[in-house]
Amino acid sequence: GCGYFVIGLCLDCTGDDEYYIHGSGQGCGGVGGGIGVCASFDGKDRYTAEPFSEIFNRGDYHSEHTINGNEAQGAGFGRRGDGSDGHSWAGGLGAIVDIHGDDFYYSGNWSLGVGYWFGTGIAVDRNGDDTYKSCYFTQGSGAHFCNGILLDENGNDKHELYETAGAALGFGWDFANSLLINKNGDDVYRAKIISMGLAQIRSFAFLIDVGGNDSYYLGEGTDGLGEASYRDYYKTPSKLTPYYFYGKSFGGFIDIGGNDFYYDFKDDKQTASSLFKNNSLWFQPSKTDSTYGGNSFGVGIDVESGVIPELEIWER
């Protein structure tokens, strides 16, 4: 399910299947308007994009080259040339879609509903108790003028990050649109750094969970859970990059329904969060902070009930 300048499809109807690649597949849309789709209708499926560079070397510097940059499992990937030969190509559309079954997704960096350099990556799972295990720039994430989306509609799901464990779960960097939506079920989210509805460098990033008793584990002292990180050039335009001044950032976190738990953690020690709580509202930066404003806003809300009309589209 990979396409560069063409359309690549990997389609499966039933059965418990295992998919294994090194990279650039399982729903990867590359340059030249490429479209790549990996889709399965039924079965307990296991999707693996080899994460470790010691096995096959696609090492990514975001993880000190020990974890691979997979470009897999719903990845829209372009070629950035401004730091090398100057020849850039916009990314395509990559999607992984699984309809039924308790599924396991395992990958390194740049995976699971991720966009890069004008690409769009989408990961959709309709039913089942699913586990997502990946590392960095993953699970509804993106960088540089792109879209990264992960949508899970039912089941008790686990969104786990390992190693560098960040830039994920609704994370946008440099004019990215990033979105993680999980509907129904008791879900678990865990990240060490910069994740969970975090917008950086003029992006829009959201983590939205509707229904269920959910647990959120975020590394102590890091940005996330409905936040827009501040930069000085948001309020004072740079002569070389004035577009940052005119852009906007929004980091949003929404949890509707259930009795939810929020934890700070460091190594193996975890404590209940003093900032994020069930049935509460918070702003990051806060309205009293000197960094508030500059068209950069972060909001988190946990409520007992509510409806987001735009999410009802899938029910029709």
Protein backbone atom coordinates (compact mmCIF):
# COMPACT_ATOMS: atom_id res chain seq x y z
CA GLY A 1 0.00 0.00 0.00
CA CYS A 2 2.51 2.63 -1.18
CA GLY A 3 2.41 5.12 -4.03
CA TYR A 4 5.01 7.52 -5.47
CA PHE A 5 3.51 9.28 -8.51
CA VAL A 6 0.99 6.39 -8.65
CA ILE A 7 -1.65 4.62 -6.54
CA GLY A 8 -0.67 1.62 -4.42
CA LEU A 9 -3.31 -0.52 -2.70
CA CYS A 10 -3.09 -3.39 -0.21
CA LEU A 11 -6.61 -4.68 0.51
CA ASP A 12 -7.70 -7.57 2.73
CA CYS A 13 -11.17 -8.85 3.58
CA THR A 14 -11.03 -11.34 6.47
CA GLY A 15 -8.67 -13.31 8.67
CA ASP A 16 -6.10 -12.57 11.37
CA ASP A 17 -3.24 -11.11 9.36
CA GLU A 18 0.32 -9.94 9.99
CA TYR A 19 1.95 -7.17 7.98
CA TYR A 20 5.68 -6.47 8.23
CA ILE A 21 7.80 -3.94 6.36
CA HIS A 22 10.94 -1.90 6.93
CA GLY A 23 9.34 1.35 5.78
CA SER A 24 7.42 3.28 3.11
CA GLY A 25 4.30 1.16 3.12
CA GLN A 26 1.17 0.06 4.96
CA GLY A 27 -0.49 3.19 3.64
CA CYS A 28 2.21 5.60 2.43
CA GLY A 29 1.59 8.39 -0.07
CA GLY A 30 4.80 9.78 -1.46
CA VAL A 31 5.79 12.57 -3.80
CA GLY A 32 4.21 13.28 -7.15
CA GLY A 33 0.67 13.06 -5.84
CA GLY A 34 1.20 9.49 -4.70
CA ILE A 35 -1.59 7.62 -2.94
CA GLY A 36 -0.99 4.59 -0.74
CA VAL A 37 -3.73 2.69 1.08
CA CYS A 38 -3.63 -0.36 3.34
CA ALA A 39 -7.12 -1.56 4.30
CA SER A 40 -8.52 -4.55 6.17
CA PHE A 41 -12.18 -5.31 6.79
CA ASP A 42 -12.12 -7.96 9.52
CA GLY A 43 -9.74 -9.84 11.76
CA LYS A 44 -7.29 -9.38 14.60
CA ASP A 45 -4.47 -7.86 12.61
CA ARG A 46 -0.90 -6.96 13.49
CA TYR A 47 0.86 -4.19 11.59
CA THR A 48 4.62 -3.80 12.08
CA ALA A 49 6.95 -1.26 10.53
CA GLU A 50 10.40 -2.22 11.77
CA PRO A 51 11.30 0.28 14.50
CA PHE A 52 14.93 -0.58 15.24
CA SER A 53 17.77 0.62 13.04
CA GLU A 54 20.04 -2.20 14.21
CA ILE A 55 17.77 -4.58 12.30
CA PHE A 56 17.27 -2.40 9.21
CA ASN A 57 18.81 1.06 9.09
CA ARG A 58 16.41 3.92 8.48
CA GLY A 59 17.59 5.65 11.67
CA ASP A 60 15.99 9.00 12.46
CA TYR A 61 17.91 11.77 14.23
CA HIS A 62 14.90 12.57 16.43
CA SER A 63 15.72 9.33 18.26
CA GLU A 64 19.52 9.43 17.95
CA HIS A 65 19.28 7.17 14.89
CA THR A 66 18.37 4.13 17.02
CA ILE A 67 14.71 4.27 15.93
CA ASN A 68 13.71 4.17 12.29
CA GLY A 69 11.75 6.78 10.40
CA ASN A 70 9.22 4.42 8.87
CA GLU A 71 6.91 6.59 6.74
CA ALA A 72 4.24 3.98 7.28
CA GLN A 73 0.77 3.15 8.62
CA GLY A 74 -1.00 6.18 7.22
CA ALA A 75 1.81 8.54 6.22
CA GLY A 76 1.75 11.34 3.65
CA PHE A 77 5.37 12.18 2.97
CA GLY A 78 7.05 14.84 0.85
CA ARG A 79 10.66 15.69 0.11
CA ARG A 80 12.10 18.74 1.79
CA GLY A 81 14.93 20.21 -0.24
CA ASP A 82 15.59 23.63 1.28
CA GLY A 83 18.34 22.20 3.48
CA SER A 84 20.02 20.21 0.73
CA ASP A 85 19.76 20.52 -3.06
CA GLY A 86 16.78 22.89 -3.12
CA HIS A 87 14.47 20.45 -4.91
CA SER A 88 11.29 19.93 -2.89
CA TRP A 89 8.30 17.71 -3.70
CA ALA A 90 4.92 17.88 -1.98
CA GLY A 91 3.82 14.72 -0.21
CA GLY A 92 0.84 12.60 -1.19
CA LEU A 93 -1.96 10.85 0.67
CA GLY A 94 -1.31 7.79 2.82
CA ALA A 95 -4.02 5.91 4.71
CA ILE A 96 -4.38 2.78 6.81
CA VAL A 97 -7.96 1.69 7.46
CA ASP A 98 -9.09 -1.22 9.65
CA ILE A 99 -12.80 -1.85 10.19
CA HIS A 100 -13.16 -4.75 12.69
CA GLY A 101 -10.97 -6.57 15.18
CA ASP A 102 -8.61 -6.07 18.09
CA ASP A 103 -5.55 -4.78 16.28
CA PHE A 104 -1.92 -4.08 17.14
CA TYR A 105 0.06 -1.32 15.45
CA TYR A 106 3.82 -1.23 16.02
CA SER A 107 6.25 1.23 14.46
CA GLY A 108 9.04 3.73 15.06
CA ASN A 109 8.94 7.38 13.99
CA TRP A 110 6.82 9.04 11.31
CA SER A 111 3.84 6.70 11.39
CA LEU A 112 0.18 6.21 12.25
CA GLY A 113 -1.60 9.18 10.78
CA VAL A 114 1.36 11.46 10.12
CA GLY A 115 2.04 14.16 7.55
CA TYR A 116 5.29 15.70 6.38
CA TRP A 117 6.02 18.45 3.87
CA PHE A 118 2.61 19.07 2.32
CA GLY A 119 1.54 15.44 2.78
CA THR A 120 -1.58 14.02 4.42
CA GLY A 121 -1.52 10.87 6.54
CA ILE A 122 -4.64 9.18 7.92
CA ALA A 123 -5.08 6.20 10.25
CA VAL A 124 -8.63 4.94 10.86
CA ASP A 125 -9.78 2.08 13.08
CA ARG A 126 -13.54 1.56 13.39
CA ASN A 127 -13.88 -1.19 16.04
CA GLY A 128 -11.95 -3.25 18.56
CA ASP A 129 -9.65 -2.96 21.54
CA ASP A 130 -6.56 -1.66 19.78
CA THR A 131 -2.98 -0.99 20.80
CA TYR A 132 -0.86 1.68 19.12
CA LYS A 133 2.82 1.48 20.01
CA SER A 134 5.22 3.91 18.37
CA CYS A 135 7.89 6.48 19.15
CA TYR A 136 8.05 10.01 17.70
CA PHE A 137 6.11 12.10 15.19
CA THR A 138 3.28 9.61 15.28
CA GLN A 139 -0.37 8.97 16.10
CA GLY A 140 -1.98 12.11 14.70
CA SER A 141 1.11 14.23 14.16
CA GLY A 142 2.87 16.25 11.49
CA ALA A 143 5.54 18.72 10.52
CA HIS A 144 5.76 21.40 7.83
CA PHE A 145 2.56 22.34 6.02
CA CYS A 146 0.75 19.02 6.35
CA ASN A 147 -2.12 17.04 7.85
CA GLY A 148 -1.84 14.11 10.28
CA ILE A 149 -4.97 12.35 11.52
CA LEU A 150 -5.72 9.31 13.67
CA LEU A 151 -9.36 8.32 14.19
CA ASP A 152 -10.43 5.43 16.43
CA GLU A 153 -14.18 5.02 16.84
CA ASN A 154 -14.72 2.19 19.34
CA GLY A 155 -12.98 0.01 21.92
CA ASN A 156 -10.71 0.21 24.93
CA ASP A 157 -7.54 1.44 23.27
CA LYS A 158 -3.94 1.99 24.32
CA HIS A 159 -1.89 4.81 22.79
CA GLU A 160 1.65 4.08 23.93
CA LEU A 161 4.92 5.83 23.12
CA TYR A 162 8.39 4.45 23.88
CA GLU A 163 12.03 5.60 23.72
CA THR A 164 11.98 9.37 22.95
CA ALA A 165 8.19 9.10 23.22
CA GLY A 166 6.90 12.43 21.98
CA ALA A 167 5.66 14.71 19.20
CA ALA A 168 2.51 12.65 19.08
CA LEU A 169 -1.13 12.18 20.05
CA GLY A 170 -2.28 15.35 18.34
CA PHE A 171 0.98 17.27 17.79
CA GLY A 172 1.65 19.90 15.13
CA TRP A 173 4.95 21.52 14.12
CA ASP A 174 5.37 24.34 11.60
CA PHE A 175 2.01 25.04 10.00
CA ALA A 176 0.67 21.53 10.51
CA ASN A 177 -2.89 20.38 11.16
CA SER A 178 -2.85 17.41 13.53
CA LEU A 179 -5.75 15.53 15.02
CA LEU A 180 -6.33 12.48 17.19
CA ILE A 181 -9.96 11.54 17.81
CA ASN A 182 -10.98 8.56 19.92
CA LYS A 183 -14.65 7.81 20.45
CA ASN A 184 -16.00 5.40 23.09
CA GLY A 185 -14.12 3.08 25.41
CA ASP A 186 -11.75 3.36 28.35
CA ASP A 187 -8.56 4.58 26.71
CA VAL A 188 -4.98 5.09 27.88
CA TYR A 189 -2.53 7.68 26.54
CA ARG A 190 1.14 7.86 27.51
CA ALA A 191 3.92 10.21 26.33
CA LYS A 192 7.17 11.53 27.81
CA ILE A 193 7.33 14.88 26.03
CA ILE A 194 5.49 17.41 23.81
CA SER A 195 2.25 15.57 23.05
CA MET A 196 -1.54 15.46 23.45
CA GLY A 197 -3.09 18.45 21.74
CA LEU A 198 0.10 20.50 21.48
CA ALA A 199 0.62 23.13 18.78
CA GLN A 200 4.11 24.42 18.01
CA ILE A 201 5.27 26.86 15.32
CA ARG A 202 1.90 28.07 14.06
CA SER A 203 0.03 24.80 13.95
CA PHE A 204 -3.40 23.50 14.89
CA ALA A 205 -3.33 20.37 17.05
CA PHE A 206 -6.12 18.53 18.84
CA LEU A 207 -6.65 15.48 21.01
CA ILE A 208 -10.36 14.72 21.40
CA ASP A 209 -11.73 11.79 23.39
CA VAL A 210 -15.46 11.18 23.61
CA GLY A 211 -16.80 8.69 26.17
CA GLY A 212 -15.17 6.30 28.61
CA ASN A 213 -13.01 6.44 31.71
CA ASP A 214 -9.70 7.55 30.27
CA SER A 215 -6.18 7.86 31.67
CA TYR A 216 -3.55 10.35 30.52
CA TYR A 217 0.12 10.01 31.44
CA LEU A 218 2.37 12.92 30.45
CA GLY A 219 6.01 13.41 31.37
CA GLU A 220 6.67 15.77 34.25
CA GLY A 221 7.34 19.38 33.22
CA THR A 222 6.70 18.98 29.49
CA ASP A 223 4.28 20.86 27.22
CA GLY A 224 1.01 19.26 26.23
CA LEU A 225 -2.64 18.48 27.00
CA GLY A 226 -4.12 21.50 25.25
CA GLU A 227 -1.26 23.92 24.78
CA ALA A 228 0.27 26.27 22.23
CA SER A 229 3.97 26.77 22.90
CA TYR A 230 5.13 30.39 22.74
CA ARG A 231 7.82 31.93 20.54
CA ASP A 232 9.02 35.56 20.77
CA TYR A 233 8.40 36.18 17.07
CA TYR A 234 4.67 35.63 17.63
CA LYS A 235 4.47 39.13 19.10
CA THR A 236 7.47 40.78 17.43
CA PRO A 237 7.86 40.00 13.73
CA SER A 238 11.18 38.74 12.47
CA LYS A 239 12.65 40.52 9.44
CA LEU A 240 13.54 37.20 7.81
CA THR A 241 10.44 35.19 8.74
CA PRO A 242 7.54 37.63 9.22
CA TYR A 243 4.96 34.96 8.36
CA TYR A 244 5.32 33.51 11.86
CA PHE A 245 4.01 36.79 13.25
CA TYR A 246 0.92 36.73 11.04
CA GLY A 247 0.17 33.03 11.55
CA LYS A 248 -1.93 31.45 14.28
CA SER A 249 -1.51 28.58 16.72
CA PHE A 250 -4.13 26.57 18.57
CA GLY A 251 -3.62 23.53 20.77
CA GLY A 252 -6.83 21.90 21.95
CA PHE A 253 -7.65 19.07 24.31
CA ILE A 254 -11.23 17.87 24.84
CA ASP A 255 -12.47 14.95 26.92
CA ILE A 256 -16.22 14.41 27.02
CA GLY A 257 -17.76 11.98 29.50
CA GLY A 258 -16.41 9.44 31.96
CA ASN A 259 -14.30 9.61 35.10
CA ASP A 260 -10.87 10.53 33.82
CA PHE A 261 -7.42 10.47 35.38
CA TYR A 262 -4.39 12.66 34.71
CA TYR A 263 -0.86 11.82 35.83
CA ASP A 264 2.60 13.35 35.73
CA PHE A 265 5.38 10.79 35.54
CA LYS A 266 9.14 10.60 35.64
CA ASP A 267 10.89 7.29 35.13
CA ASP A 268 8.76 4.76 37.03
CA LYS A 269 7.21 7.25 39.44
CA GLN A 270 3.85 8.84 38.75
CA THR A 271 1.70 11.33 40.65
CA ALA A 272 -1.75 12.82 40.11
CA SER A 273 -1.53 16.02 38.05
CA SER A 274 -2.12 19.28 39.90
CA LEU A 275 -3.07 21.15 36.71
CA PHE A 276 -5.19 18.71 34.72
CA LYS A 277 -8.26 17.25 36.40
CA ASN A 278 -11.57 15.60 35.67
CA ASN A 279 -14.38 18.10 34.99
CA SER A 280 -12.17 21.17 34.71
CA LEU A 281 -10.95 23.84 32.29
CA TRP A 282 -7.44 25.17 31.74
CA PHE A 283 -5.53 27.53 29.44
CA GLN A 284 -1.91 27.13 28.30
CA PRO A 285 -0.49 29.75 28.35
CA SER A 286 -2.79 30.98 31.12
CA LYS A 287 -4.63 34.23 30.58
CA THR A 288 -2.44 35.90 33.22
CA ASP A 289 0.84 34.75 31.69
CA SER A 290 3.02 37.28 29.85
CA THR A 291 3.18 34.91 26.88
CA TYR A 292 -0.61 34.83 26.47
CA GLY A 293 -1.81 36.19 23.15
CA GLY A 294 0.11 36.64 19.94
CA ASN A 295 -2.55 34.60 18.11
CA SER A 296 -1.35 31.56 20.06
CA PHE A 297 -3.83 29.82 22.33
CA GLY A 298 -4.04 26.51 24.16
CA VAL A 299 -7.19 25.23 25.83
CA GLY A 300 -8.05 22.02 27.64
CA ILE A 301 -11.46 20.97 28.90
CA ASP A 302 -12.82 17.87 30.61
CA VAL A 303 -16.62 17.78 30.85
CA GLU A 304 -19.26 15.24 31.86
CA SER A 305 -21.33 15.61 28.70
CA GLY A 306 -21.45 17.46 25.43
CA VAL A 307 -21.59 17.17 21.67
CA ILE A 308 -19.15 18.22 18.96
CA PRO A 309 -21.38 18.53 15.86
CA GLU A 310 -18.50 18.03 13.43
CA LEU A 311 -17.83 14.57 14.89
CA GLU A 312 -21.39 13.44 14.26
CA ILE A 313 -20.67 13.29 10.54
CA TRP A 314 -19.42 9.71 10.94
CA GLU A 315 -22.71 8.66 12.52
CA ARG A 316 -24.73 9.56 9.42
